[in-house]
Amino acid sequence: MLRAVIFDFDGVITDSEILHFRAFNAVLAQYGIQLTKPKYYKEYLGMSDADCFRALITEGRLPIQEPQIKNLGQQKTRIFEQLARTEGKIIEGVREFLETLSAAKVPIAICSGALRAEIELILEEASLRGSFDVIVSAEEVKRGKPDPEGFLLALEKLNDLWPEPLTPERCIVIEDSHWGLKAAKAAGMRTIAVTNTYDAAQLKQADKVVARLDELTMADLQRICA
């Protein structure tokens, strides 16, 4: 039986992946670095901001030291917030699916590699903040996806709010990337992938793949958890 649903944020609830890409490139331009969209989507998309900068340092492309990562992250956040206020929007089908879950009284969380301020900004602008019981953001975990830490923390926080125990195998994670699907599987959770960012062939490890979230019914979710 389904007991909870945990959403990724970028690429699942909002189409902000391209905004993150543009914000990263705006920051990296001061070092003469420009990520191509294919490389970003293939290698960095599932990472937190800090982990993305660390990866570029490790590759020898970004000539900074670890203590400087925080400053670059702050720069990137400011640019992203400017873009999100003018260009961020909720993906079609999300509102309808959230209404389905709410009507069924299913606990709902977000687990994202984005910063809390970025998540809160977009949800508030879209009048969706009240739809989510719990938010786990990049600042709250030591290890980002594909590590399962974030999903397990989200479940722990949901359990603090709900009287009946919520277990991983009764929880469905909704993701748009293989990093997120791997993390959810490692947490012992069921998975649904939505093809907003990658095609179905790249998401086949999910228990179910859909093009839009409003294609899903409660019967679909219950079957996945059966």
C-alpha atoms as a PDB file:
ATOM      1  CA  MET A   1       0.000   0.000   0.000  1.00  0.00           C
ATOM      2  CA  LEU A   2       1.248   3.475  -0.899  1.00  0.00           C
ATOM      3  CA  ARG A   3       2.125   5.567   2.181  1.00  0.00           C
ATOM      4  CA  ALA A   4       4.094   8.571   0.845  1.00  0.00           C
ATOM      5  CA  VAL A   5       5.368  10.295  -2.294  1.00  0.00           C
ATOM      6  CA  ILE A   6       8.700  12.138  -2.498  1.00  0.00           C
ATOM      7  CA  PHE A   7       9.350  14.450  -5.435  1.00  0.00           C
ATOM      8  CA  ASP A   8      12.588  15.636  -6.908  1.00  0.00           C
ATOM      9  CA  PHE A   9      12.228  19.339  -7.703  1.00  0.00           C
ATOM     10  CA  ASP A  10      14.149  20.561 -10.755  1.00  0.00           C
ATOM     11  CA  GLY A  11      12.896  18.760 -13.843  1.00  0.00           C
ATOM     12  CA  VAL A  12       9.955  17.202 -11.988  1.00  0.00           C
ATOM     13  CA  ILE A  13       7.972  20.051 -10.450  1.00  0.00           C
ATOM     14  CA  THR A  14       9.539  22.994 -12.271  1.00  0.00           C
ATOM     15  CA  ASP A  15      11.329  23.265 -15.602  1.00  0.00           C
ATOM     16  CA  SER A  16      14.271  25.072 -14.021  1.00  0.00           C
ATOM     17  CA  GLU A  17      17.079  22.754 -15.134  1.00  0.00           C
ATOM     18  CA  ILE A  18      17.873  25.101 -18.012  1.00  0.00           C
ATOM     19  CA  LEU A  19      17.916  28.048 -15.574  1.00  0.00           C
ATOM     20  CA  HIS A  20      20.492  26.252 -13.405  1.00  0.00           C
ATOM     21  CA  PHE A  21      22.556  25.590 -16.529  1.00  0.00           C
ATOM     22  CA  ARG A  22      22.500  29.264 -17.495  1.00  0.00           C
ATOM     23  CA  ALA A  23      23.309  30.379 -13.942  1.00  0.00           C
ATOM     24  CA  PHE A  24      26.299  28.009 -13.734  1.00  0.00           C
ATOM     25  CA  ASN A  25      27.668  29.301 -17.022  1.00  0.00           C
ATOM     26  CA  ALA A  26      27.228  32.903 -15.908  1.00  0.00           C
ATOM     27  CA  VAL A  27      29.388  32.199 -12.843  1.00  0.00           C
ATOM     28  CA  LEU A  28      31.961  30.113 -14.696  1.00  0.00           C
ATOM     29  CA  ALA A  29      32.410  32.776 -17.390  1.00  0.00           C
ATOM     30  CA  GLN A  30      34.761  34.712 -15.091  1.00  0.00           C
ATOM     31  CA  TYR A  31      37.170  31.755 -15.384  1.00  0.00           C
ATOM     32  CA  GLY A  32      36.754  31.418 -19.131  1.00  0.00           C
ATOM     33  CA  ILE A  33      34.709  28.230 -18.726  1.00  0.00           C
ATOM     34  CA  GLN A  34      31.511  27.400 -20.577  1.00  0.00           C
ATOM     35  CA  LEU A  35      29.666  24.131 -20.134  1.00  0.00           C
ATOM     36  CA  THR A  36      27.833  22.782 -23.151  1.00  0.00           C
ATOM     37  CA  LYS A  37      24.239  21.740 -22.605  1.00  0.00           C
ATOM     38  CA  PRO A  38      24.890  18.071 -23.561  1.00  0.00           C
ATOM     39  CA  LYS A  39      27.821  17.835 -21.123  1.00  0.00           C
ATOM     40  CA  TYR A  40      25.898  19.535 -18.330  1.00  0.00           C
ATOM     41  CA  TYR A  41      22.874  17.267 -18.730  1.00  0.00           C
ATOM     42  CA  LYS A  42      25.030  14.156 -19.013  1.00  0.00           C
ATOM     43  CA  GLU A  43      27.529  14.756 -16.206  1.00  0.00           C
ATOM     44  CA  TYR A  44      26.426  17.472 -13.782  1.00  0.00           C
ATOM     45  CA  LEU A  45      22.649  17.825 -13.764  1.00  0.00           C
ATOM     46  CA  GLY A  46      22.020  15.501 -10.827  1.00  0.00           C
ATOM     47  CA  MET A  47      24.613  17.171  -8.603  1.00  0.00           C
ATOM     48  CA  SER A  48      24.240  19.849  -5.962  1.00  0.00           C
ATOM     49  CA  ASP A  49      25.828  23.211  -6.782  1.00  0.00           C
ATOM     50  CA  ALA A  50      28.802  22.507  -4.529  1.00  0.00           C
ATOM     51  CA  ASP A  51      29.372  19.043  -5.988  1.00  0.00           C
ATOM     52  CA  CYS A  52      29.251  20.462  -9.519  1.00  0.00           C
ATOM     53  CA  PHE A  53      31.956  22.994  -8.689  1.00  0.00           C
ATOM     54  CA  ARG A  54      33.995  20.252  -6.957  1.00  0.00           C
ATOM     55  CA  ALA A  55      33.738  18.056 -10.043  1.00  0.00           C
ATOM     56  CA  LEU A  56      35.087  20.869 -12.219  1.00  0.00           C
ATOM     57  CA  ILE A  57      37.971  21.396  -9.777  1.00  0.00           C
ATOM     58  CA  THR A  58      38.769  17.674  -9.840  1.00  0.00           C
ATOM     59  CA  GLU A  59      38.723  17.708 -13.650  1.00  0.00           C
ATOM     60  CA  GLY A  60      41.276  20.509 -13.600  1.00  0.00           C
ATOM     61  CA  ARG A  61      38.941  22.938 -15.338  1.00  0.00           C
ATOM     62  CA  LEU A  62      38.128  25.268 -12.424  1.00  0.00           C
ATOM     63  CA  PRO A  63      41.269  26.830 -10.851  1.00  0.00           C
ATOM     64  CA  ILE A  64      39.978  27.514  -7.339  1.00  0.00           C
ATOM     65  CA  GLN A  65      40.353  25.994  -3.874  1.00  0.00           C
ATOM     66  CA  GLU A  66      37.639  24.303  -1.800  1.00  0.00           C
ATOM     67  CA  PRO A  67      36.998  27.382   0.442  1.00  0.00           C
ATOM     68  CA  GLN A  68      36.048  29.417  -2.642  1.00  0.00           C
ATOM     69  CA  ILE A  69      33.185  27.097  -3.554  1.00  0.00           C
ATOM     70  CA  LYS A  70      30.828  28.782  -1.084  1.00  0.00           C
ATOM     71  CA  ASN A  71      31.313  32.170  -2.744  1.00  0.00           C
ATOM     72  CA  LEU A  72      30.689  30.757  -6.221  1.00  0.00           C
ATOM     73  CA  GLY A  73      27.582  29.029  -4.919  1.00  0.00           C
ATOM     74  CA  GLN A  74      26.265  32.323  -3.572  1.00  0.00           C
ATOM     75  CA  GLN A  75      26.892  34.001  -6.913  1.00  0.00           C
ATOM     76  CA  LYS A  76      25.086  31.208  -8.731  1.00  0.00           C
ATOM     77  CA  THR A  77      22.128  31.386  -6.339  1.00  0.00           C
ATOM     78  CA  ARG A  78      21.669  35.127  -6.903  1.00  0.00           C
ATOM     79  CA  ILE A  79      21.677  34.672 -10.677  1.00  0.00           C
ATOM     80  CA  PHE A  80      19.331  31.682 -10.507  1.00  0.00           C
ATOM     81  CA  GLU A  81      16.843  33.570  -8.318  1.00  0.00           C
ATOM     82  CA  GLN A  82      16.730  36.429 -10.816  1.00  0.00           C
ATOM     83  CA  LEU A  83      16.016  33.962 -13.624  1.00  0.00           C
ATOM     84  CA  ALA A  84      13.466  32.006 -11.586  1.00  0.00           C
ATOM     85  CA  ARG A  85      11.406  35.104 -10.792  1.00  0.00           C
ATOM     86  CA  THR A  86      10.988  35.915 -14.468  1.00  0.00           C
ATOM     87  CA  GLU A  87      11.255  32.565 -16.261  1.00  0.00           C
ATOM     88  CA  GLY A  88      10.531  29.776 -13.772  1.00  0.00           C
ATOM     89  CA  LYS A  89       7.275  27.883 -14.207  1.00  0.00           C
ATOM     90  CA  ILE A  90       5.553  24.736 -12.984  1.00  0.00           C
ATOM     91  CA  ILE A  91       5.553  21.771 -15.364  1.00  0.00           C
ATOM     92  CA  GLU A  92       2.188  20.861 -16.893  1.00  0.00           C
ATOM     93  CA  GLY A  93       0.374  18.089 -15.064  1.00  0.00           C
ATOM     94  CA  VAL A  94       2.043  18.713 -11.691  1.00  0.00           C
ATOM     95  CA  ARG A  95      -0.818  20.668 -10.110  1.00  0.00           C
ATOM     96  CA  GLU A  96      -3.373  18.048 -11.108  1.00  0.00           C
ATOM     97  CA  PHE A  97      -1.258  15.226  -9.703  1.00  0.00           C
ATOM     98  CA  LEU A  98      -0.713  17.085  -6.428  1.00  0.00           C
ATOM     99  CA  GLU A  99      -4.485  17.521  -6.149  1.00  0.00           C
ATOM    100  CA  THR A 100      -4.929  13.754  -6.631  1.00  0.00           C
ATOM    101  CA  LEU A 101      -2.455  13.011  -3.838  1.00  0.00           C
ATOM    102  CA  SER A 102      -3.988  15.621  -1.550  1.00  0.00           C
ATOM    103  CA  ALA A 103      -7.482  14.219  -2.064  1.00  0.00           C
ATOM    104  CA  ALA A 104      -6.137  10.786  -1.075  1.00  0.00           C
ATOM    105  CA  LYS A 105      -4.402  12.294   2.000  1.00  0.00           C
ATOM    106  CA  VAL A 106      -0.980  10.987   0.926  1.00  0.00           C
ATOM    107  CA  PRO A 107       2.017  12.552   2.740  1.00  0.00           C
ATOM    108  CA  ILE A 108       4.125  14.513   0.241  1.00  0.00           C
ATOM    109  CA  ALA A 109       7.766  15.638   0.386  1.00  0.00           C
ATOM    110  CA  ILE A 110      10.443  17.181  -1.801  1.00  0.00           C
ATOM    111  CA  CYS A 111      14.026  15.918  -1.824  1.00  0.00           C
ATOM    112  CA  SER A 112      16.234  18.071  -4.027  1.00  0.00           C
ATOM    113  CA  GLY A 113      19.834  18.982  -4.714  1.00  0.00           C
ATOM    114  CA  ALA A 114      18.687  22.588  -5.022  1.00  0.00           C
ATOM    115  CA  LEU A 115      18.998  25.110  -2.210  1.00  0.00           C
ATOM    116  CA  ARG A 116      15.987  25.698   0.039  1.00  0.00           C
ATOM    117  CA  ALA A 117      15.737  29.379  -0.939  1.00  0.00           C
ATOM    118  CA  GLU A 118      15.478  28.382  -4.609  1.00  0.00           C
ATOM    119  CA  ILE A 119      12.798  25.785  -3.899  1.00  0.00           C
ATOM    120  CA  GLU A 120      10.777  28.057  -1.614  1.00  0.00           C
ATOM    121  CA  LEU A 121      10.954  30.931  -4.107  1.00  0.00           C
ATOM    122  CA  ILE A 122       9.438  28.943  -6.970  1.00  0.00           C
ATOM    123  CA  LEU A 123       6.816  27.222  -4.810  1.00  0.00           C
ATOM    124  CA  GLU A 124       5.697  30.516  -3.273  1.00  0.00           C
ATOM    125  CA  GLU A 125       5.525  32.208  -6.678  1.00  0.00           C
ATOM    126  CA  ALA A 126       3.349  29.305  -7.906  1.00  0.00           C
ATOM    127  CA  SER A 127       1.205  29.176  -4.721  1.00  0.00           C
ATOM    128  CA  LEU A 128       2.246  25.552  -4.159  1.00  0.00           C
ATOM    129  CA  ARG A 129       4.208  25.754  -0.905  1.00  0.00           C
ATOM    130  CA  GLY A 130       1.282  24.405   1.098  1.00  0.00           C
ATOM    131  CA  SER A 131       1.138  21.244  -1.005  1.00  0.00           C
ATOM    132  CA  PHE A 132       4.288  19.797   0.587  1.00  0.00           C
ATOM    133  CA  ASP A 133       4.621  18.507   4.134  1.00  0.00           C
ATOM    134  CA  VAL A 134       8.425  18.274   4.080  1.00  0.00           C
ATOM    135  CA  ILE A 135      11.281  19.755   2.055  1.00  0.00           C
ATOM    136  CA  VAL A 136      14.830  18.381   2.124  1.00  0.00           C
ATOM    137  CA  SER A 137      17.298  20.615   0.298  1.00  0.00           C
ATOM    138  CA  ALA A 138      21.010  20.547  -0.498  1.00  0.00           C
ATOM    139  CA  GLU A 139      22.024  22.228   2.772  1.00  0.00           C
ATOM    140  CA  GLU A 140      20.588  19.403   4.868  1.00  0.00           C
ATOM    141  CA  VAL A 141      22.645  16.496   3.543  1.00  0.00           C
ATOM    142  CA  LYS A 142      26.344  15.702   3.458  1.00  0.00           C
ATOM    143  CA  ARG A 143      26.087  13.480   0.384  1.00  0.00           C
ATOM    144  CA  GLY A 144      23.941  14.368  -2.605  1.00  0.00           C
ATOM    145  CA  LYS A 145      22.341  12.008  -5.107  1.00  0.00           C
ATOM    146  CA  PRO A 146      23.036   9.249  -6.080  1.00  0.00           C
ATOM    147  CA  ASP A 147      23.569   8.749  -2.337  1.00  0.00           C
ATOM    148  CA  PRO A 148      20.247   7.871  -0.636  1.00  0.00           C
ATOM    149  CA  GLU A 149      20.811  10.182   2.356  1.00  0.00           C
ATOM    150  CA  GLY A 150      18.349  12.844   1.202  1.00  0.00           C
ATOM    151  CA  PHE A 151      15.489  10.447   0.559  1.00  0.00           C
ATOM    152  CA  LEU A 152      15.973   8.708   3.889  1.00  0.00           C
ATOM    153  CA  LEU A 153      16.007  12.084   5.656  1.00  0.00           C
ATOM    154  CA  ALA A 154      12.789  13.091   3.885  1.00  0.00           C
ATOM    155  CA  LEU A 155      11.136   9.873   5.067  1.00  0.00           C
ATOM    156  CA  GLU A 156      12.418  10.461   8.603  1.00  0.00           C
ATOM    157  CA  LYS A 157      10.908  13.964   8.597  1.00  0.00           C
ATOM    158  CA  LEU A 158       7.587  12.650   7.285  1.00  0.00           C
ATOM    159  CA  ASN A 159       7.561  10.081  10.059  1.00  0.00           C
ATOM    160  CA  ASP A 160       7.917  12.896  12.578  1.00  0.00           C
ATOM    161  CA  LEU A 161       4.614  14.303  11.299  1.00  0.00           C
ATOM    162  CA  TRP A 162       2.510  11.194  10.713  1.00  0.00           C
ATOM    163  CA  PRO A 163       1.342   8.773  13.440  1.00  0.00           C
ATOM    164  CA  GLU A 164       1.480   5.585  11.366  1.00  0.00           C
ATOM    165  CA  PRO A 165       5.029   4.455  10.464  1.00  0.00           C
ATOM    166  CA  LEU A 166       6.068   5.180   6.867  1.00  0.00           C
ATOM    167  CA  THR A 167       8.480   2.592   5.465  1.00  0.00           C
ATOM    168  CA  PRO A 168      10.720   2.931   2.375  1.00  0.00           C
ATOM    169  CA  GLU A 169       9.057   0.178   0.343  1.00  0.00           C
ATOM    170  CA  ARG A 170       5.692   1.964   0.677  1.00  0.00           C
ATOM    171  CA  CYS A 171       7.161   5.219  -0.557  1.00  0.00           C
ATOM    172  CA  ILE A 172       7.293   6.307  -4.215  1.00  0.00           C
ATOM    173  CA  VAL A 173       9.992   8.676  -5.456  1.00  0.00           C
ATOM    174  CA  ILE A 174       9.364  10.724  -8.600  1.00  0.00           C
ATOM    175  CA  GLU A 175      12.531  11.616 -10.499  1.00  0.00           C
ATOM    176  CA  ASP A 176      13.732  12.836 -13.876  1.00  0.00           C
ATOM    177  CA  SER A 177      17.341  11.574 -13.792  1.00  0.00           C
ATOM    178  CA  HIS A 178      19.242   8.337 -13.366  1.00  0.00           C
ATOM    179  CA  TRP A 179      21.152   9.846 -10.405  1.00  0.00           C
ATOM    180  CA  GLY A 180      17.905  10.355  -8.539  1.00  0.00           C
ATOM    181  CA  LEU A 181      16.522   6.951  -9.471  1.00  0.00           C
ATOM    182  CA  LYS A 182      19.707   5.293  -8.242  1.00  0.00           C
ATOM    183  CA  ALA A 183      19.462   7.171  -4.931  1.00  0.00           C
ATOM    184  CA  ALA A 184      15.816   6.189  -4.472  1.00  0.00           C
ATOM    185  CA  LYS A 185      16.536   2.537  -5.205  1.00  0.00           C
ATOM    186  CA  ALA A 186      19.407   2.605  -2.700  1.00  0.00           C
ATOM    187  CA  ALA A 187      16.953   3.967  -0.122  1.00  0.00           C
ATOM    188  CA  GLY A 188      14.692   0.957  -0.755  1.00  0.00           C
ATOM    189  CA  MET A 189      11.931   3.045  -2.325  1.00  0.00           C
ATOM    190  CA  ARG A 190       9.754   2.547  -5.415  1.00  0.00           C
ATOM    191  CA  THR A 191      10.337   4.835  -8.376  1.00  0.00           C
ATOM    192  CA  ILE A 192       8.511   6.692 -11.123  1.00  0.00           C
ATOM    193  CA  ALA A 193      10.445   8.563 -13.800  1.00  0.00           C
ATOM    194  CA  VAL A 194       9.031  11.442 -15.808  1.00  0.00           C
ATOM    195  CA  THR A 195      10.531  12.181 -19.220  1.00  0.00           C
ATOM    196  CA  ASN A 196      10.903  15.944 -18.786  1.00  0.00           C
ATOM    197  CA  THR A 197      14.709  15.873 -19.020  1.00  0.00           C
ATOM    198  CA  TYR A 198      15.756  12.471 -20.407  1.00  0.00           C
ATOM    199  CA  ASP A 199      13.977  10.045 -22.699  1.00  0.00           C
ATOM    200  CA  ALA A 200      12.404   6.825 -21.488  1.00  0.00           C
ATOM    201  CA  ALA A 201      15.341   4.663 -22.619  1.00  0.00           C
ATOM    202  CA  GLN A 202      17.623   6.474 -20.163  1.00  0.00           C
ATOM    203  CA  LEU A 203      15.166   6.016 -17.294  1.00  0.00           C
ATOM    204  CA  LYS A 204      14.319   2.344 -17.680  1.00  0.00           C
ATOM    205  CA  GLN A 205      15.546   1.477 -14.182  1.00  0.00           C
ATOM    206  CA  ALA A 206      12.360   3.124 -12.829  1.00  0.00           C
ATOM    207  CA  ASP A 207       9.365   0.992 -11.848  1.00  0.00           C
ATOM    208  CA  LYS A 208       7.243   3.122 -14.182  1.00  0.00           C
ATOM    209  CA  VAL A 209       8.015   5.833 -16.743  1.00  0.00           C
ATOM    210  CA  VAL A 210       5.515   8.533 -17.752  1.00  0.00           C
ATOM    211  CA  ALA A 211       5.514  11.626 -19.942  1.00  0.00           C
ATOM    212  CA  ARG A 212       3.315  13.670 -17.587  1.00  0.00           C
ATOM    213  CA  LEU A 213       2.464  13.255 -13.930  1.00  0.00           C
ATOM    214  CA  ASP A 214      -1.254  13.725 -14.506  1.00  0.00           C
ATOM    215  CA  GLU A 215      -1.199  10.434 -16.431  1.00  0.00           C
ATOM    216  CA  LEU A 216      -0.865   8.697 -13.065  1.00  0.00           C
ATOM    217  CA  THR A 217      -3.820   7.492 -11.005  1.00  0.00           C
ATOM    218  CA  MET A 218      -3.952   6.336  -7.421  1.00  0.00           C
ATOM    219  CA  ALA A 219      -4.475   2.821  -8.783  1.00  0.00           C
ATOM    220  CA  ASP A 220      -1.153   3.097 -10.634  1.00  0.00           C
ATOM    221  CA  LEU A 221       0.620   4.146  -7.456  1.00  0.00           C
ATOM    222  CA  GLN A 222      -0.937   1.376  -5.406  1.00  0.00           C
ATOM    223  CA  ARG A 223       0.113  -1.231  -8.000  1.00  0.00           C
ATOM    224  CA  ILE A 224       3.716  -0.036  -7.833  1.00  0.00           C
ATOM    225  CA  CYS A 225       3.706  -0.482  -4.046  1.00  0.00           C
ATOM    226  CA  ALA A 226       1.867  -3.807  -4.083  1.00  0.00           C
END
